[in-house]
PDB file of N, CA and C in Angstrom:
ATOM      1  N   MET A   1     -10.588  -7.577   4.470  1.00  0.00           N
ATOM      2  CA  MET A   1      -9.417  -7.699   3.258  1.00  0.00           C
ATOM      3  C   MET A   1      -8.344  -6.593   2.930  1.00  0.00           C
ATOM      4  N   PRO A   2      -7.207  -6.937   3.012  1.00  0.00           N
ATOM      5  CA  PRO A   2      -6.500  -6.219   2.325  1.00  0.00           C
ATOM      6  C   PRO A   2      -6.124  -6.015   0.771  1.00  0.00           C
ATOM      7  N   ILE A   3      -6.455  -5.036   0.300  1.00  0.00           N
ATOM      8  CA  ILE A   3      -6.151  -5.201  -1.530  1.00  0.00           C
ATOM      9  C   ILE A   3      -4.024  -4.300  -1.682  1.00  0.00           C
ATOM     10  N   CYS A   4      -4.311  -4.982  -2.855  1.00  0.00           N
ATOM     11  CA  CYS A   4      -2.757  -3.922  -2.985  1.00  0.00           C
ATOM     12  C   CYS A   4      -2.950  -2.912  -4.170  1.00  0.00           C
ATOM     13  N   PRO A   5      -2.701  -1.609  -3.699  1.00  0.00           N
ATOM     14  CA  PRO A   5      -2.571  -0.594  -4.519  1.00  0.00           C
ATOM     15  C   PRO A   5      -2.225  -0.418  -5.916  1.00  0.00           C
ATOM     16  N   LEU A   6      -1.139  -0.951  -6.258  1.00  0.00           N
ATOM     17  CA  LEU A   6      -0.808  -1.773  -7.478  1.00  0.00           C
ATOM     18  C   LEU A   6      -1.631  -2.276  -8.979  1.00  0.00           C
ATOM     19  N   CYS A   7      -2.092  -3.238  -7.682  1.00  0.00           N
ATOM     20  CA  CYS A   7      -2.830  -4.273  -8.422  1.00  0.00           C
ATOM     21  C   CYS A   7      -4.434  -3.779  -8.960  1.00  0.00           C
ATOM     22  N   ASN A   8      -4.854  -2.966  -8.278  1.00  0.00           N
ATOM     23  CA  ASN A   8      -6.437  -2.547  -8.471  1.00  0.00           C
ATOM     24  C   ASN A   8      -6.341  -1.019  -8.928  1.00  0.00           C
ATOM     25  N   GLY A   9      -4.952  -0.271  -9.390  1.00  0.00           N
ATOM     26  CA  GLY A   9      -5.029   0.887 -10.276  1.00  0.00           C
ATOM     27  C   GLY A   9      -5.247   2.117  -9.066  1.00  0.00           C
ATOM     28  N   PHE A  10      -4.732   1.793  -7.510  1.00  0.00           N
ATOM     29  CA  PHE A  10      -5.101   3.000  -6.950  1.00  0.00           C
ATOM     30  C   PHE A  10      -4.179   3.849  -6.604  1.00  0.00           C
ATOM     31  N   ASN A  11      -2.892   3.584  -6.842  1.00  0.00           N
ATOM     32  CA  ASN A  11      -1.459   4.035  -6.645  1.00  0.00           C
ATOM     33  C   ASN A  11      -0.508   3.763  -8.266  1.00  0.00           C
ATOM     34  N   ASN A  12       0.714   4.677  -8.437  1.00  0.00           N
ATOM     35  CA  ASN A  12       1.499   4.271  -9.118  1.00  0.00           C
ATOM     36  C   ASN A  12       2.932   3.985  -8.450  1.00  0.00           C
ATOM     37  N   ALA A  13       3.763   3.546  -8.687  1.00  0.00           N
ATOM     38  CA  ALA A  13       4.775   2.800  -8.079  1.00  0.00           C
ATOM     39  C   ALA A  13       6.126   3.656  -8.844  1.00  0.00           C
ATOM     40  N   SER A  14       7.151   4.235  -8.083  1.00  0.00           N
ATOM     41  CA  SER A  14       8.305   4.487  -8.576  1.00  0.00           C
ATOM     42  C   SER A  14       9.428   4.427  -7.963  1.00  0.00           C
ATOM     43  N   PHE A  15      10.337   3.130  -8.193  1.00  0.00           N
ATOM     44  CA  PHE A  15      11.604   3.109  -8.125  1.00  0.00           C
ATOM     45  C   PHE A  15      12.703   2.701  -8.809  1.00  0.00           C
ATOM     46  N   SER A  16      13.695   3.295  -8.438  1.00  0.00           N
ATOM     47  CA  SER A  16      15.088   3.386  -9.232  1.00  0.00           C
ATOM     48  C   SER A  16      15.625   1.713  -8.998  1.00  0.00           C
ATOM     49  N   CYS A  17      16.215   1.667 -10.399  1.00  0.00           N
ATOM     50  CA  CYS A  17      16.846   0.175 -10.625  1.00  0.00           C
ATOM     51  C   CYS A  17      18.354   0.249  -9.668  1.00  0.00           C
ATOM     52  N   ALA A  18      18.554  -0.869  -9.153  1.00  0.00           N
ATOM     53  CA  ALA A  18      19.533  -0.633  -7.965  1.00  0.00           C
ATOM     54  C   ALA A  18      20.366  -0.999  -8.895  1.00  0.00           C
ATOM     55  N   GLN A  19      20.775  -1.723 -10.320  1.00  0.00           N
ATOM     56  CA  GLN A  19      21.923  -1.415 -10.902  1.00  0.00           C
ATOM     57  C   GLN A  19      22.505  -0.446 -11.406  1.00  0.00           C
ATOM     58  N   CYS A  20      21.743   0.567 -12.292  1.00  0.00           N
ATOM     59  CA  CYS A  20      21.616   1.239 -13.190  1.00  0.00           C
ATOM     60  C   CYS A  20      21.485   2.699 -12.908  1.00  0.00           C
ATOM     61  N   GLY A  21      20.217   2.417 -11.554  1.00  0.00           N
ATOM     62  CA  GLY A  21      19.409   3.960 -11.461  1.00  0.00           C
ATOM     63  C   GLY A  21      18.146   4.552 -12.361  1.00  0.00           C
ATOM     64  N   ASN A  22      18.221   3.504 -13.385  1.00  0.00           N
ATOM     65  CA  ASN A  22      16.923   3.986 -14.429  1.00  0.00           C
ATOM     66  C   ASN A  22      15.751   3.403 -13.373  1.00  0.00           C
ATOM     67  N   SER A  23      14.767   4.134 -14.298  1.00  0.00           N
ATOM     68  CA  SER A  23      12.942   3.990 -13.379  1.00  0.00           C
ATOM     69  C   SER A  23      12.776   2.530 -13.955  1.00  0.00           C
ATOM     70  N   LEU A  24      12.400   1.897 -13.172  1.00  0.00           N
ATOM     71  CA  LEU A  24      11.982   0.215 -13.138  1.00  0.00           C
ATOM     72  C   LEU A  24      10.115  -0.028 -13.741  1.00  0.00           C
ATOM     73  N   GLU A  25       9.950  -0.430 -14.471  1.00  0.00           N
ATOM     74  CA  GLU A  25       8.795  -0.800 -14.528  1.00  0.00           C
ATOM     75  C   GLU A  25       8.325  -1.691 -14.053  1.00  0.00           C
ATOM     76  N   ASP A  26       6.688  -2.200 -13.446  1.00  0.00           N
ATOM     77  CA  ASP A  26       5.670  -2.803 -13.188  1.00  0.00           C
ATOM     78  C   ASP A  26       5.741  -3.823 -13.970  1.00  0.00           C
ATOM     79  N   SER A  27       6.144  -5.366 -13.688  1.00  0.00           N
ATOM     80  CA  SER A  27       5.528  -6.187 -13.940  1.00  0.00           C
ATOM     81  C   SER A  27       4.589  -7.205 -13.715  1.00  0.00           C
ATOM     82  N   GLY A  28       4.017  -6.799 -12.445  1.00  0.00           N
ATOM     83  CA  GLY A  28       3.357  -7.236 -12.060  1.00  0.00           C
ATOM     84  C   GLY A  28       3.170  -8.055 -11.077  1.00  0.00           C
ATOM     85  N   ARG A  29       2.525  -8.907 -10.254  1.00  0.00           N
ATOM     86  CA  ARG A  29       2.617  -9.781  -8.884  1.00  0.00           C
ATOM     87  C   ARG A  29       3.470 -11.121  -9.615  1.00  0.00           C
ATOM     88  N   ILE A  30       4.288 -10.991  -8.673  1.00  0.00           N
ATOM     89  CA  ILE A  30       5.248 -12.752  -9.024  1.00  0.00           C
ATOM     90  C   ILE A  30       3.998 -13.953  -9.075  1.00  0.00           C
ATOM     91  N   ILE A  31       2.999 -13.830  -8.239  1.00  0.00           N
ATOM     92  CA  ILE A  31       2.482 -14.966  -8.089  1.00  0.00           C
ATOM     93  C   ILE A  31       1.398 -15.323  -9.663  1.00  0.00           C
ATOM     94  N   ASP A  32       1.529 -14.311 -10.343  1.00  0.00           N
ATOM     95  CA  ASP A  32       0.952 -14.450 -11.887  1.00  0.00           C
ATOM     96  C   ASP A  32       1.987 -15.480 -12.707  1.00  0.00           C
ATOM     97  N   TYR A  33       2.842 -15.199 -12.596  1.00  0.00           N
ATOM     98  CA  TYR A  33       3.773 -15.922 -13.398  1.00  0.00           C
ATOM     99  C   TYR A  33       4.342 -17.370 -12.562  1.00  0.00           C
ATOM    100  N   PHE A  34       3.577 -18.025 -11.837  1.00  0.00           N
ATOM    101  CA  PHE A  34       3.902 -19.261 -11.913  1.00  0.00           C
ATOM    102  C   PHE A  34       3.173 -20.448 -12.550  1.00  0.00           C
ATOM    103  N   GLY A  35       2.259 -19.682 -13.140  1.00  0.00           N
ATOM    104  CA  GLY A  35       1.531 -21.188 -14.095  1.00  0.00           C
ATOM    105  C   GLY A  35       0.822 -20.267 -14.862  1.00  0.00           C
ATOM    106  N   PRO A  36      -0.297 -20.942 -15.632  1.00  0.00           N
ATOM    107  CA  PRO A  36      -1.106 -20.583 -16.816  1.00  0.00           C
ATOM    108  C   PRO A  36      -2.156 -19.952 -15.730  1.00  0.00           C
ATOM    109  N   TYR A  37      -2.490 -20.556 -14.669  1.00  0.00           N
ATOM    110  CA  TYR A  37      -3.819 -20.473 -13.793  1.00  0.00           C
ATOM    111  C   TYR A  37      -3.485 -19.805 -12.714  1.00  0.00           C
ATOM    112  N   SER A  38      -2.458 -19.492 -12.128  1.00  0.00           N
ATOM    113  CA  SER A  38      -1.962 -18.844 -10.865  1.00  0.00           C
ATOM    114  C   SER A  38      -2.715 -17.183 -11.079  1.00  0.00           C
ATOM    115  N   ALA A  39      -2.711 -17.227 -12.212  1.00  0.00           N
ATOM    116  CA  ALA A  39      -3.427 -15.377 -11.705  1.00  0.00           C
ATOM    117  C   ALA A  39      -4.648 -15.506 -11.441  1.00  0.00           C
ATOM    118  N   TYR A  40      -5.968 -17.146 -11.659  1.00  0.00           N
ATOM    119  CA  TYR A  40      -6.892 -17.087 -11.212  1.00  0.00           C
ATOM    120  C   TYR A  40      -6.882 -17.942  -9.613  1.00  0.00           C
ATOM    121  N   MET A  41      -5.968 -18.259  -8.820  1.00  0.00           N
ATOM    122  CA  MET A  41      -6.148 -18.713  -7.750  1.00  0.00           C
ATOM    123  C   MET A  41      -6.696 -17.603  -7.142  1.00  0.00           C
ATOM    124  N   GLN A  42      -6.509 -18.093  -5.622  1.00  0.00           N
ATOM    125  CA  GLN A  42      -6.851 -17.354  -4.638  1.00  0.00           C
ATOM    126  C   GLN A  42      -5.531 -16.427  -3.902  1.00  0.00           C
ATOM    127  N   ILE A  43      -5.377 -15.494  -4.125  1.00  0.00           N
ATOM    128  CA  ILE A  43      -4.255 -14.862  -3.954  1.00  0.00           C
ATOM    129  C   ILE A  43      -3.642 -15.359  -2.628  1.00  0.00           C
ATOM    130  N   ASP A  44      -4.610 -15.702  -1.749  1.00  0.00           N
ATOM    131  CA  ASP A  44      -3.675 -15.995   0.121  1.00  0.00           C
ATOM    132  C   ASP A  44      -3.380 -17.201  -0.134  1.00  0.00           C
ATOM    133  N   SER A  45      -3.675 -17.931  -1.030  1.00  0.00           N
ATOM    134  CA  SER A  45      -3.518 -19.251  -1.312  1.00  0.00           C
ATOM    135  C   SER A  45      -1.855 -19.370  -1.986  1.00  0.00           C
ATOM    136  N   MET A  46      -1.658 -18.491  -2.284  1.00  0.00           N
ATOM    137  CA  MET A  46      -0.754 -18.115  -4.050  1.00  0.00           C
ATOM    138  C   MET A  46       0.573 -17.844  -2.639  1.00  0.00           C
ATOM    139  N   LYS A  47       0.298 -16.983  -2.053  1.00  0.00           N
ATOM    140  CA  LYS A  47       0.741 -16.428  -0.676  1.00  0.00           C
ATOM    141  C   LYS A  47       1.881 -17.139  -0.063  1.00  0.00           C
ATOM    142  N   LYS A  48       0.950 -18.310   0.193  1.00  0.00           N
ATOM    143  CA  LYS A  48       1.545 -19.466   0.802  1.00  0.00           C
ATOM    144  C   LYS A  48       2.656 -20.047   0.100  1.00  0.00           C
ATOM    145  N   ILE A  49       2.661 -19.900  -0.977  1.00  0.00           N
ATOM    146  CA  ILE A  49       3.776 -20.555  -1.989  1.00  0.00           C
ATOM    147  C   ILE A  49       4.931 -19.758  -2.694  1.00  0.00           C
ATOM    148  N   ASP A  50       5.305 -18.319  -2.265  1.00  0.00           N
ATOM    149  CA  ASP A  50       5.472 -17.330  -3.430  1.00  0.00           C
ATOM    150  C   ASP A  50       7.132 -17.641  -2.710  1.00  0.00           C
ATOM    151  N   GLY A  51       7.485 -18.206  -2.204  1.00  0.00           N
ATOM    152  CA  GLY A  51       8.502 -18.163  -1.510  1.00  0.00           C
ATOM    153  C   GLY A  51       9.140 -16.810  -0.775  1.00  0.00           C
ATOM    154  N   ILE A  52       8.631 -16.152  -0.505  1.00  0.00           N
ATOM    155  CA  ILE A  52       8.748 -15.017   0.586  1.00  0.00           C
ATOM    156  C   ILE A  52       7.545 -15.301   1.794  1.00  0.00           C
ATOM    157  N   GLU A  53       8.396 -15.320   3.322  1.00  0.00           N
ATOM    158  CA  GLU A  53       7.539 -15.723   4.368  1.00  0.00           C
ATOM    159  C   GLU A  53       6.803 -14.148   5.019  1.00  0.00           C
ATOM    160  N   THR A  54       6.825 -13.508   4.449  1.00  0.00           N
ATOM    161  CA  THR A  54       6.473 -12.481   5.377  1.00  0.00           C
ATOM    162  C   THR A  54       4.763 -11.827   4.335  1.00  0.00           C
ATOM    163  N   THR A  55       4.953 -12.490   3.350  1.00  0.00           N
ATOM    164  CA  THR A  55       3.903 -11.774   2.022  1.00  0.00           C
ATOM    165  C   THR A  55       2.359 -11.594   2.826  1.00  0.00           C
ATOM    166  N   LEU A  56       2.019 -13.112   3.940  1.00  0.00           N
ATOM    167  CA  LEU A  56       0.588 -13.245   3.777  1.00  0.00           C
ATOM    168  C   LEU A  56       0.626 -12.492   5.132  1.00  0.00           C
ATOM    169  N   GLN A  57       1.566 -12.537   6.271  1.00  0.00           N
ATOM    170  CA  GLN A  57       1.084 -12.530   7.463  1.00  0.00           C
ATOM    171  C   GLN A  57       1.337 -10.868   7.452  1.00  0.00           C
ATOM    172  N   ASN A  58       2.237  -9.979   6.628  1.00  0.00           N
ATOM    173  CA  ASN A  58       1.824  -9.053   6.798  1.00  0.00           C
ATOM    174  C   ASN A  58       1.508  -7.917   5.610  1.00  0.00           C
ATOM    175  N   ASN A  59       0.602  -8.639   5.255  1.00  0.00           N
ATOM    176  CA  ASN A  59      -0.445  -8.195   4.144  1.00  0.00           C
ATOM    177  C   ASN A  59       0.325  -7.502   2.840  1.00  0.00           C
ATOM    178  N   GLU A  60       1.425  -8.133   2.199  1.00  0.00           N
ATOM    179  CA  GLU A  60       2.209  -7.469   1.414  1.00  0.00           C
ATOM    180  C   GLU A  60       2.079  -8.656  -0.252  1.00  0.00           C
ATOM    181  N   CYS A  61       2.020  -7.537  -1.184  1.00  0.00           N
ATOM    182  CA  CYS A  61       1.997  -8.102  -2.681  1.00  0.00           C
ATOM    183  C   CYS A  61       3.398  -8.012  -3.231  1.00  0.00           C
ATOM    184  N   ALA A  62       3.658  -8.908  -3.655  1.00  0.00           N
ATOM    185  CA  ALA A  62       4.835  -9.043  -4.243  1.00  0.00           C
ATOM    186  C   ALA A  62       5.142  -8.942  -5.634  1.00  0.00           C
ATOM    187  N   HIS A  63       5.617  -7.643  -5.701  1.00  0.00           N
ATOM    188  CA  HIS A  63       5.428  -7.443  -7.559  1.00  0.00           C
ATOM    189  C   HIS A  63       7.021  -7.776  -8.052  1.00  0.00           C
ATOM    190  N   LEU A  64       6.954  -7.789  -9.516  1.00  0.00           N
ATOM    191  CA  LEU A  64       7.820  -8.211  -9.903  1.00  0.00           C
ATOM    192  C   LEU A  64       8.670  -6.642 -10.893  1.00  0.00           C
ATOM    193  N   PHE A  65       9.455  -5.796 -10.436  1.00  0.00           N
ATOM    194  CA  PHE A  65       9.810  -4.683 -11.282  1.00  0.00           C
ATOM    195  C   PHE A  65      11.037  -5.196 -12.681  1.00  0.00           C
ATOM    196  N   TYR A  66      11.117  -4.529 -13.543  1.00  0.00           N
ATOM    197  CA  TYR A  66      12.168  -4.625 -14.046  1.00  0.00           C
ATOM    198  C   TYR A  66      12.566  -2.963 -15.068  1.00  0.00           C
ATOM    199  N   CYS A  67      13.874  -3.748 -15.630  1.00  0.00           N
ATOM    200  CA  CYS A  67      14.586  -2.510 -15.855  1.00  0.00           C
ATOM    201  C   CYS A  67      14.766  -2.604 -17.322  1.00  0.00           C
ATOM    202  N   PRO A  68      13.966  -1.149 -17.940  1.00  0.00           N
ATOM    203  CA  PRO A  68      14.141  -1.913 -19.812  1.00  0.00           C
ATOM    204  C   PRO A  68      15.433  -1.102 -19.960  1.00  0.00           C
ATOM    205  N   ASN A  69      16.163  -0.548 -18.885  1.00  0.00           N
ATOM    206  CA  ASN A  69      18.165  -0.341 -19.101  1.00  0.00           C
ATOM    207  C   ASN A  69      18.666  -1.075 -19.342  1.00  0.00           C
ATOM    208  N   CYS A  70      18.978  -2.312 -18.369  1.00  0.00           N
ATOM    209  CA  CYS A  70      20.016  -3.243 -18.157  1.00  0.00           C
ATOM    210  C   CYS A  70      19.138  -4.372 -17.628  1.00  0.00           C
ATOM    211  N   ASN A  71      18.139  -5.239 -18.057  1.00  0.00           N
ATOM    212  CA  ASN A  71      17.671  -5.962 -18.052  1.00  0.00           C
ATOM    213  C   ASN A  71      17.451  -6.528 -16.696  1.00  0.00           C
ATOM    214  N   ASN A  72      17.594  -5.470 -15.401  1.00  0.00           N
ATOM    215  CA  ASN A  72      17.535  -6.403 -14.455  1.00  0.00           C
ATOM    216  C   ASN A  72      16.109  -6.399 -13.685  1.00  0.00           C
ATOM    217  N   GLN A  73      15.930  -7.328 -12.889  1.00  0.00           N
ATOM    218  CA  GLN A  73      14.535  -7.744 -12.276  1.00  0.00           C
ATOM    219  C   GLN A  73      14.841  -7.234 -10.758  1.00  0.00           C
ATOM    220  N   GLU A  74      13.768  -6.718 -10.211  1.00  0.00           N
ATOM    221  CA  GLU A  74      13.811  -6.996  -8.908  1.00  0.00           C
ATOM    222  C   GLU A  74      12.776  -7.385  -8.227  1.00  0.00           C
ATOM    223  N   THR A  75      12.283  -7.742  -6.911  1.00  0.00           N
ATOM    224  CA  THR A  75      11.183  -8.128  -6.500  1.00  0.00           C
ATOM    225  C   THR A  75      10.817  -7.282  -5.174  1.00  0.00           C
ATOM    226  N   ILE A  76       9.738  -6.210  -5.359  1.00  0.00           N
ATOM    227  CA  ILE A  76       9.517  -5.412  -4.273  1.00  0.00           C
ATOM    228  C   ILE A  76       8.292  -5.666  -3.764  1.00  0.00           C
ATOM    229  N   LEU A  77       8.163  -5.732  -2.281  1.00  0.00           N
ATOM    230  CA  LEU A  77       7.102  -5.847  -1.378  1.00  0.00           C
ATOM    231  C   LEU A  77       5.900  -4.749  -1.344  1.00  0.00           C
ATOM    232  N   ILE A  78       4.946  -4.729  -1.656  1.00  0.00           N
ATOM    233  CA  ILE A  78       3.723  -3.599  -1.800  1.00  0.00           C
ATOM    234  C   ILE A  78       2.685  -3.610  -0.616  1.00  0.00           C
ATOM    235  N   LYS A  79       3.027  -2.498   0.307  1.00  0.00           N
ATOM    236  CA  LYS A  79       2.203  -3.007   1.323  1.00  0.00           C
ATOM    237  C   LYS A  79       0.648  -2.912   0.894  1.00  0.00           C
ATOM    238  N   GLU A  80      -0.408  -3.792   1.481  1.00  0.00           N
ATOM    239  CA  GLU A  80      -1.848  -3.718   0.729  1.00  0.00           C
ATOM    240  C   GLU A  80      -2.454  -2.636   2.177  1.00  0.00           C
TER     241      GLU A  80
END
């Protein structure tokens, strides 16, 4: 079973904001924002409804990144 290196603290991510170039902050998996119990659901089941067709088949974890400078939000796929 593939695991996300960001969710499990193996790696840190460093991405720049597409709008202002500032460093983005990781806000976690986007599937955790779907509802109050989504963080406790099976990850593969949630990937089927995350709105991104490739996350399940390509072993990707969709993370929400936030720019504290311009409030831009970006979804970045992390390879598991």
